[in-house]
Amino acid sequence: MSVQRRHVRQALLGLLLLLVLSSLGIWLYQQGLIDPVRLERLSLRLGPWGPPMLAAVMALTVVVGPIPTMVVSVAAGMIYHPLVAFSLSMLGALAGAGISFWIARLLGRPLIERLFRGHVALFPECPQHILFAMVLLARLIPVVSFALVSYAAGLTVLTTGRFLLASGLGMAPMTLLYVLAGKGMAIDSVWAIGTGIVVFCFLVALPKLVDKGWIPLPERWKGFIDHLRHPH
């Protein structure tokens, strides 16, 4: 009975976290704050509190799936040195990924344990190294929602450390490109602005390019991406 109560408390805690963070994220979006220019102005106005604010907003966008994470990376690139902007974006994204991962653990596991009669994970037979590779691939090729990957990983036996490592390695290249795109837009140069816009448009169009086969992927990768998008 005590185990059942503990599971109920875990589920309620996960649900509470999800509701609070989702409500905050939706409110920020409705206020128009999820915009590179407005985030840039707000960060400059906050002075030394600007960087923590951007990292916190990044974490929030990761937890609340529909809100685009690239906006924060671009805004950071417009304001700060690329290394600082990259570090802020990575810190915020990893924090948000970890929160989503553990919300899934708290909210999803008790329900899944009941459905599967004691199994503690969605894929208990899947080895850690395969789960690590799956998360790494999903981060490298962002055709699946960042939040969806985090929540799905939270329902597996993957450890928190390996999940965060795979997420960090996988999202680093795209995060750097987003930051450089923002820096290009901020520099008073036609060439830099043009390059930033081209890179930004490419990143936005990347999922469609993969879907249409213009960027070839191994069949195993395609199958995994399709499974994430349509798990049923």
C-alpha atoms as a PDB file:
ATOM      1  CA  MET A   1       0.000   0.000   0.000  1.00  0.00           C
ATOM      2  CA  SER A   2       2.850   2.359   0.816  1.00  0.00           C
ATOM      3  CA  VAL A   3       4.388   1.653  -2.605  1.00  0.00           C
ATOM      4  CA  GLN A   4       1.095   2.525  -4.285  1.00  0.00           C
ATOM      5  CA  ARG A   5       0.873   5.782  -2.335  1.00  0.00           C
ATOM      6  CA  ARG A   6       4.423   6.645  -3.332  1.00  0.00           C
ATOM      7  CA  HIS A   7       3.563   6.093  -6.992  1.00  0.00           C
ATOM      8  CA  VAL A   8       0.484   8.292  -6.669  1.00  0.00           C
ATOM      9  CA  ARG A   9       2.552  11.059  -5.068  1.00  0.00           C
ATOM     10  CA  GLN A  10       5.133  10.785  -7.841  1.00  0.00           C
ATOM     11  CA  ALA A  11       2.438  11.021 -10.502  1.00  0.00           C
ATOM     12  CA  LEU A  12       0.840  14.037  -8.820  1.00  0.00           C
ATOM     13  CA  LEU A  13       4.224  15.771  -8.540  1.00  0.00           C
ATOM     14  CA  GLY A  14       4.954  15.140 -12.211  1.00  0.00           C
ATOM     15  CA  LEU A  15       1.511  16.384 -13.211  1.00  0.00           C
ATOM     16  CA  LEU A  16       1.888  19.517 -11.081  1.00  0.00           C
ATOM     17  CA  LEU A  17       5.287  20.327 -12.598  1.00  0.00           C
ATOM     18  CA  LEU A  18       3.944  19.807 -16.095  1.00  0.00           C
ATOM     19  CA  LEU A  19       0.869  21.987 -15.525  1.00  0.00           C
ATOM     20  CA  VAL A  20       2.791  24.843 -13.876  1.00  0.00           C
ATOM     21  CA  LEU A  21       5.577  24.957 -16.467  1.00  0.00           C
ATOM     22  CA  SER A  22       3.168  24.548 -19.392  1.00  0.00           C
ATOM     23  CA  SER A  23       0.967  27.370 -18.087  1.00  0.00           C
ATOM     24  CA  LEU A  24       3.986  29.641 -17.686  1.00  0.00           C
ATOM     25  CA  GLY A  25       5.257  28.797 -21.158  1.00  0.00           C
ATOM     26  CA  ILE A  26       1.870  29.423 -22.762  1.00  0.00           C
ATOM     27  CA  TRP A  27       1.567  32.746 -20.909  1.00  0.00           C
ATOM     28  CA  LEU A  28       4.989  33.882 -22.161  1.00  0.00           C
ATOM     29  CA  TYR A  29       4.023  32.872 -25.688  1.00  0.00           C
ATOM     30  CA  GLN A  30       0.726  34.755 -25.504  1.00  0.00           C
ATOM     31  CA  GLN A  31       2.573  37.836 -24.231  1.00  0.00           C
ATOM     32  CA  GLY A  32       4.733  37.733 -27.351  1.00  0.00           C
ATOM     33  CA  LEU A  33       7.955  37.193 -25.398  1.00  0.00           C
ATOM     34  CA  ILE A  34       8.981  34.123 -27.407  1.00  0.00           C
ATOM     35  CA  ASP A  35      10.472  36.324 -30.103  1.00  0.00           C
ATOM     36  CA  PRO A  36      14.199  36.926 -30.782  1.00  0.00           C
ATOM     37  CA  VAL A  37      13.943  40.719 -30.907  1.00  0.00           C
ATOM     38  CA  ARG A  38      11.817  41.024 -27.753  1.00  0.00           C
ATOM     39  CA  LEU A  39      14.024  38.564 -25.903  1.00  0.00           C
ATOM     40  CA  GLU A  40      17.068  40.559 -26.983  1.00  0.00           C
ATOM     41  CA  ARG A  41      15.587  43.799 -25.638  1.00  0.00           C
ATOM     42  CA  LEU A  42      14.453  42.187 -22.392  1.00  0.00           C
ATOM     43  CA  SER A  43      17.848  40.597 -21.818  1.00  0.00           C
ATOM     44  CA  LEU A  44      19.667  43.891 -22.359  1.00  0.00           C
ATOM     45  CA  ARG A  45      17.239  45.640 -20.025  1.00  0.00           C
ATOM     46  CA  LEU A  46      17.829  43.074 -17.282  1.00  0.00           C
ATOM     47  CA  GLY A  47      21.586  43.599 -17.362  1.00  0.00           C
ATOM     48  CA  PRO A  48      23.397  40.860 -15.387  1.00  0.00           C
ATOM     49  CA  TRP A  49      20.109  38.973 -15.021  1.00  0.00           C
ATOM     50  CA  GLY A  50      19.741  38.745 -18.793  1.00  0.00           C
ATOM     51  CA  PRO A  51      21.790  35.550 -19.283  1.00  0.00           C
ATOM     52  CA  PRO A  52      19.998  33.584 -16.518  1.00  0.00           C
ATOM     53  CA  MET A  53      16.668  34.766 -17.937  1.00  0.00           C
ATOM     54  CA  LEU A  54      17.542  33.440 -21.402  1.00  0.00           C
ATOM     55  CA  ALA A  55      18.693  30.109 -19.969  1.00  0.00           C
ATOM     56  CA  ALA A  56      15.447  29.818 -17.978  1.00  0.00           C
ATOM     57  CA  VAL A  57      13.314  30.629 -21.028  1.00  0.00           C
ATOM     58  CA  MET A  58      15.260  28.043 -23.024  1.00  0.00           C
ATOM     59  CA  ALA A  59      14.551  25.414 -20.353  1.00  0.00           C
ATOM     60  CA  LEU A  60      10.880  26.351 -20.425  1.00  0.00           C
ATOM     61  CA  THR A  61      10.626  26.053 -24.216  1.00  0.00           C
ATOM     62  CA  VAL A  62      12.119  22.569 -23.983  1.00  0.00           C
ATOM     63  CA  VAL A  63       9.526  21.447 -21.428  1.00  0.00           C
ATOM     64  CA  VAL A  64       6.624  22.997 -23.369  1.00  0.00           C
ATOM     65  CA  GLY A  65       6.998  21.193 -26.676  1.00  0.00           C
ATOM     66  CA  PRO A  66       5.142  23.438 -29.167  1.00  0.00           C
ATOM     67  CA  ILE A  67       7.254  26.508 -28.300  1.00  0.00           C
ATOM     68  CA  PRO A  68      10.312  26.676 -30.624  1.00  0.00           C
ATOM     69  CA  THR A  69      13.679  26.408 -28.867  1.00  0.00           C
ATOM     70  CA  MET A  70      15.637  27.971 -31.716  1.00  0.00           C
ATOM     71  CA  VAL A  71      14.194  31.400 -30.885  1.00  0.00           C
ATOM     72  CA  VAL A  72      16.181  31.586 -27.647  1.00  0.00           C
ATOM     73  CA  SER A  73      19.439  30.443 -29.255  1.00  0.00           C
ATOM     74  CA  VAL A  74      19.057  33.021 -32.021  1.00  0.00           C
ATOM     75  CA  ALA A  75      18.290  35.752 -29.477  1.00  0.00           C
ATOM     76  CA  ALA A  76      21.343  34.790 -27.405  1.00  0.00           C
ATOM     77  CA  GLY A  77      23.490  34.899 -30.531  1.00  0.00           C
ATOM     78  CA  MET A  78      22.221  38.391 -31.317  1.00  0.00           C
ATOM     79  CA  ILE A  79      23.323  39.717 -27.909  1.00  0.00           C
ATOM     80  CA  TYR A  80      26.325  37.834 -26.580  1.00  0.00           C
ATOM     81  CA  HIS A  81      29.646  36.465 -27.748  1.00  0.00           C
ATOM     82  CA  PRO A  82      29.039  33.160 -29.593  1.00  0.00           C
ATOM     83  CA  LEU A  83      30.741  31.122 -26.851  1.00  0.00           C
ATOM     84  CA  VAL A  84      28.610  32.725 -24.127  1.00  0.00           C
ATOM     85  CA  ALA A  85      25.438  32.395 -26.197  1.00  0.00           C
ATOM     86  CA  PHE A  86      26.221  28.757 -26.976  1.00  0.00           C
ATOM     87  CA  SER A  87      26.874  27.980 -23.303  1.00  0.00           C
ATOM     88  CA  LEU A  88      23.632  29.655 -22.195  1.00  0.00           C
ATOM     89  CA  SER A  89      21.602  27.823 -24.816  1.00  0.00           C
ATOM     90  CA  MET A  90      23.141  24.456 -23.967  1.00  0.00           C
ATOM     91  CA  LEU A  91      22.695  24.969 -20.228  1.00  0.00           C
ATOM     92  CA  GLY A  92      19.045  25.944 -20.600  1.00  0.00           C
ATOM     93  CA  ALA A  93      18.274  23.172 -23.075  1.00  0.00           C
ATOM     94  CA  LEU A  94      19.897  20.486 -20.924  1.00  0.00           C
ATOM     95  CA  ALA A  95      18.058  21.743 -17.842  1.00  0.00           C
ATOM     96  CA  GLY A  96      14.747  21.635 -19.715  1.00  0.00           C
ATOM     97  CA  ALA A  97      15.513  18.194 -21.144  1.00  0.00           C
ATOM     98  CA  GLY A  98      16.306  16.880 -17.671  1.00  0.00           C
ATOM     99  CA  ILE A  99      13.087  18.321 -16.255  1.00  0.00           C
ATOM    100  CA  SER A 100      11.020  16.770 -19.075  1.00  0.00           C
ATOM    101  CA  PHE A 101      12.823  13.455 -18.613  1.00  0.00           C
ATOM    102  CA  TRP A 102      11.947  13.341 -14.926  1.00  0.00           C
ATOM    103  CA  ILE A 103       8.389  14.567 -15.407  1.00  0.00           C
ATOM    104  CA  ALA A 104       7.915  11.521 -17.634  1.00  0.00           C
ATOM    105  CA  ARG A 105       9.508   9.304 -14.990  1.00  0.00           C
ATOM    106  CA  LEU A 106       7.259  10.672 -12.258  1.00  0.00           C
ATOM    107  CA  LEU A 107       4.063  10.898 -14.272  1.00  0.00           C
ATOM    108  CA  GLY A 108       4.415   8.027 -16.705  1.00  0.00           C
ATOM    109  CA  ARG A 109       6.105   5.223 -14.838  1.00  0.00           C
ATOM    110  CA  PRO A 110       3.352   4.497 -12.264  1.00  0.00           C
ATOM    111  CA  LEU A 111       0.798   4.172 -15.065  1.00  0.00           C
ATOM    112  CA  ILE A 112       3.083   2.027 -17.215  1.00  0.00           C
ATOM    113  CA  GLU A 113       3.927  -0.250 -14.298  1.00  0.00           C
ATOM    114  CA  ARG A 114       0.222  -0.987 -13.882  1.00  0.00           C
ATOM    115  CA  LEU A 115      -0.335  -1.592 -17.579  1.00  0.00           C
ATOM    116  CA  PHE A 116       2.662  -3.911 -17.929  1.00  0.00           C
ATOM    117  CA  ARG A 117       2.337  -5.573 -14.498  1.00  0.00           C
ATOM    118  CA  GLY A 118       5.519  -4.492 -12.821  1.00  0.00           C
ATOM    119  CA  HIS A 119       7.785  -3.555 -15.719  1.00  0.00           C
ATOM    120  CA  VAL A 120       9.532  -0.325 -14.750  1.00  0.00           C
ATOM    121  CA  ALA A 121      10.178   0.987 -18.257  1.00  0.00           C
ATOM    122  CA  LEU A 122       8.574   1.174 -21.666  1.00  0.00           C
ATOM    123  CA  PHE A 123      11.398  -0.813 -23.317  1.00  0.00           C
ATOM    124  CA  PRO A 124      12.929  -2.858 -20.469  1.00  0.00           C
ATOM    125  CA  GLU A 125      14.751  -5.150 -22.911  1.00  0.00           C
ATOM    126  CA  CYS A 126      16.458  -2.353 -24.844  1.00  0.00           C
ATOM    127  CA  PRO A 127      20.177  -2.009 -23.926  1.00  0.00           C
ATOM    128  CA  GLN A 128      21.509   1.289 -22.614  1.00  0.00           C
ATOM    129  CA  HIS A 129      23.860   1.820 -25.568  1.00  0.00           C
ATOM    130  CA  ILE A 130      21.014   1.504 -28.075  1.00  0.00           C
ATOM    131  CA  LEU A 131      18.850   3.961 -26.149  1.00  0.00           C
ATOM    132  CA  PHE A 132      21.838   6.320 -25.986  1.00  0.00           C
ATOM    133  CA  ALA A 133      22.262   6.106 -29.771  1.00  0.00           C
ATOM    134  CA  MET A 134      18.541   6.714 -30.325  1.00  0.00           C
ATOM    135  CA  VAL A 135      18.545   9.907 -28.255  1.00  0.00           C
ATOM    136  CA  LEU A 136      21.770  11.071 -29.918  1.00  0.00           C
ATOM    137  CA  LEU A 137      20.275  10.549 -33.382  1.00  0.00           C
ATOM    138  CA  ALA A 138      17.026  12.284 -32.479  1.00  0.00           C
ATOM    139  CA  ARG A 139      18.993  15.324 -31.271  1.00  0.00           C
ATOM    140  CA  LEU A 140      21.350  15.416 -34.261  1.00  0.00           C
ATOM    141  CA  ILE A 141      18.484  15.368 -36.766  1.00  0.00           C
ATOM    142  CA  PRO A 142      15.764  17.565 -35.224  1.00  0.00           C
ATOM    143  CA  VAL A 143      12.805  16.251 -37.201  1.00  0.00           C
ATOM    144  CA  VAL A 144      11.105  15.143 -33.983  1.00  0.00           C
ATOM    145  CA  SER A 145       9.976  17.482 -31.212  1.00  0.00           C
ATOM    146  CA  PHE A 146      12.738  18.127 -28.672  1.00  0.00           C
ATOM    147  CA  ALA A 147      10.228  17.695 -25.853  1.00  0.00           C
ATOM    148  CA  LEU A 148       8.836  14.454 -27.287  1.00  0.00           C
ATOM    149  CA  VAL A 149      12.291  12.864 -27.273  1.00  0.00           C
ATOM    150  CA  SER A 150      12.841  13.895 -23.648  1.00  0.00           C
ATOM    151  CA  TYR A 151       9.480  12.571 -22.466  1.00  0.00           C
ATOM    152  CA  ALA A 152       9.892   9.338 -24.442  1.00  0.00           C
ATOM    153  CA  ALA A 153      13.380   8.778 -23.015  1.00  0.00           C
ATOM    154  CA  GLY A 154      12.033   9.272 -19.501  1.00  0.00           C
ATOM    155  CA  LEU A 155       9.869   6.179 -19.986  1.00  0.00           C
ATOM    156  CA  THR A 156      12.853   3.931 -20.726  1.00  0.00           C
ATOM    157  CA  VAL A 157      15.604   2.424 -18.570  1.00  0.00           C
ATOM    158  CA  LEU A 158      18.101   4.997 -19.874  1.00  0.00           C
ATOM    159  CA  THR A 159      19.978   6.610 -16.991  1.00  0.00           C
ATOM    160  CA  THR A 160      19.782  10.359 -16.447  1.00  0.00           C
ATOM    161  CA  GLY A 161      23.516  10.812 -17.027  1.00  0.00           C
ATOM    162  CA  ARG A 162      23.519   8.986 -20.355  1.00  0.00           C
ATOM    163  CA  PHE A 163      20.394  10.797 -21.464  1.00  0.00           C
ATOM    164  CA  LEU A 164      21.926  14.208 -20.744  1.00  0.00           C
ATOM    165  CA  LEU A 165      25.219  13.232 -22.406  1.00  0.00           C
ATOM    166  CA  ALA A 166      23.453  12.004 -25.550  1.00  0.00           C
ATOM    167  CA  SER A 167      21.288  15.130 -25.599  1.00  0.00           C
ATOM    168  CA  GLY A 168      24.273  17.443 -25.169  1.00  0.00           C
ATOM    169  CA  LEU A 169      26.359  15.788 -27.878  1.00  0.00           C
ATOM    170  CA  GLY A 170      23.431  15.599 -30.265  1.00  0.00           C
ATOM    171  CA  MET A 171      22.112  19.128 -29.953  1.00  0.00           C
ATOM    172  CA  ALA A 172      25.486  20.925 -29.832  1.00  0.00           C
ATOM    173  CA  PRO A 173      25.939  21.274 -33.641  1.00  0.00           C
ATOM    174  CA  MET A 174      22.457  22.681 -34.279  1.00  0.00           C
ATOM    175  CA  THR A 175      22.641  24.949 -31.240  1.00  0.00           C
ATOM    176  CA  LEU A 176      25.913  26.399 -32.514  1.00  0.00           C
ATOM    177  CA  LEU A 177      24.355  27.035 -35.922  1.00  0.00           C
ATOM    178  CA  TYR A 178      21.364  28.787 -34.347  1.00  0.00           C
ATOM    179  CA  VAL A 179      23.697  30.990 -32.295  1.00  0.00           C
ATOM    180  CA  LEU A 180      25.812  31.855 -35.341  1.00  0.00           C
ATOM    181  CA  ALA A 181      22.656  32.641 -37.297  1.00  0.00           C
ATOM    182  CA  GLY A 182      21.658  35.091 -34.567  1.00  0.00           C
ATOM    183  CA  LYS A 183      25.133  36.622 -34.533  1.00  0.00           C
ATOM    184  CA  GLY A 184      24.986  37.059 -38.295  1.00  0.00           C
ATOM    185  CA  MET A 185      21.678  38.889 -38.001  1.00  0.00           C
ATOM    186  CA  ALA A 186      23.082  41.183 -35.296  1.00  0.00           C
ATOM    187  CA  ILE A 187      26.208  42.264 -37.200  1.00  0.00           C
ATOM    188  CA  ASP A 188      25.787  45.405 -39.286  1.00  0.00           C
ATOM    189  CA  SER A 189      26.890  43.753 -42.516  1.00  0.00           C
ATOM    190  CA  VAL A 190      24.893  42.740 -45.575  1.00  0.00           C
ATOM    191  CA  TRP A 191      26.987  39.583 -46.019  1.00  0.00           C
ATOM    192  CA  ALA A 192      26.648  38.564 -42.368  1.00  0.00           C
ATOM    193  CA  ILE A 193      22.905  39.239 -42.325  1.00  0.00           C
ATOM    194  CA  GLY A 194      22.437  37.279 -45.550  1.00  0.00           C
ATOM    195  CA  THR A 195      24.452  34.343 -44.225  1.00  0.00           C
ATOM    196  CA  GLY A 196      22.499  34.350 -40.969  1.00  0.00           C
ATOM    197  CA  ILE A 197      19.169  34.346 -42.790  1.00  0.00           C
ATOM    198  CA  VAL A 198      20.265  31.529 -45.125  1.00  0.00           C
ATOM    199  CA  VAL A 199      21.456  29.377 -42.211  1.00  0.00           C
ATOM    200  CA  PHE A 200      18.296  30.099 -40.243  1.00  0.00           C
ATOM    201  CA  CYS A 201      16.032  29.195 -43.181  1.00  0.00           C
ATOM    202  CA  PHE A 202      17.987  25.992 -43.783  1.00  0.00           C
ATOM    203  CA  LEU A 203      17.552  24.929 -40.171  1.00  0.00           C
ATOM    204  CA  VAL A 204      13.819  25.619 -40.310  1.00  0.00           C
ATOM    205  CA  ALA A 205      13.485  23.667 -43.574  1.00  0.00           C
ATOM    206  CA  LEU A 206      15.688  20.738 -42.491  1.00  0.00           C
ATOM    207  CA  PRO A 207      12.828  18.475 -41.297  1.00  0.00           C
ATOM    208  CA  LYS A 208      11.018  18.892 -44.625  1.00  0.00           C
ATOM    209  CA  LEU A 209      14.221  18.166 -46.561  1.00  0.00           C
ATOM    210  CA  VAL A 210      14.657  14.931 -44.623  1.00  0.00           C
ATOM    211  CA  ASP A 211      10.992  13.975 -45.104  1.00  0.00           C
ATOM    212  CA  LYS A 212      11.182  14.437 -48.871  1.00  0.00           C
ATOM    213  CA  GLY A 213      14.382  12.410 -49.132  1.00  0.00           C
ATOM    214  CA  TRP A 214      16.558  15.302 -50.309  1.00  0.00           C
ATOM    215  CA  ILE A 215      18.846  14.544 -47.355  1.00  0.00           C
ATOM    216  CA  PRO A 216      19.304  10.747 -47.449  1.00  0.00           C
ATOM    217  CA  LEU A 217      19.283   8.769 -44.218  1.00  0.00           C
ATOM    218  CA  PRO A 218      19.884   5.067 -43.518  1.00  0.00           C
ATOM    219  CA  GLU A 219      16.689   3.026 -43.423  1.00  0.00           C
ATOM    220  CA  ARG A 220      17.205   2.215 -39.736  1.00  0.00           C
ATOM    221  CA  TRP A 221      17.346   5.940 -38.914  1.00  0.00           C
ATOM    222  CA  LYS A 222      14.203   6.598 -40.945  1.00  0.00           C
ATOM    223  CA  GLY A 223      12.409   3.780 -39.155  1.00  0.00           C
ATOM    224  CA  PHE A 224      13.359   5.136 -35.751  1.00  0.00           C
ATOM    225  CA  ILE A 225      12.233   8.673 -36.666  1.00  0.00           C
ATOM    226  CA  ASP A 226       8.906   7.325 -37.952  1.00  0.00           C
ATOM    227  CA  HIS A 227       8.468   5.358 -34.723  1.00  0.00           C
ATOM    228  CA  LEU A 228       9.011   8.473 -32.630  1.00  0.00           C
ATOM    229  CA  ARG A 229       6.495  10.429 -34.686  1.00  0.00           C
ATOM    230  CA  HIS A 230       3.914   7.642 -34.840  1.00  0.00           C
ATOM    231  CA  PRO A 231       4.530   5.358 -31.850  1.00  0.00           C
ATOM    232  CA  HIS A 232       1.268   3.517 -32.371  1.00  0.00           C
END
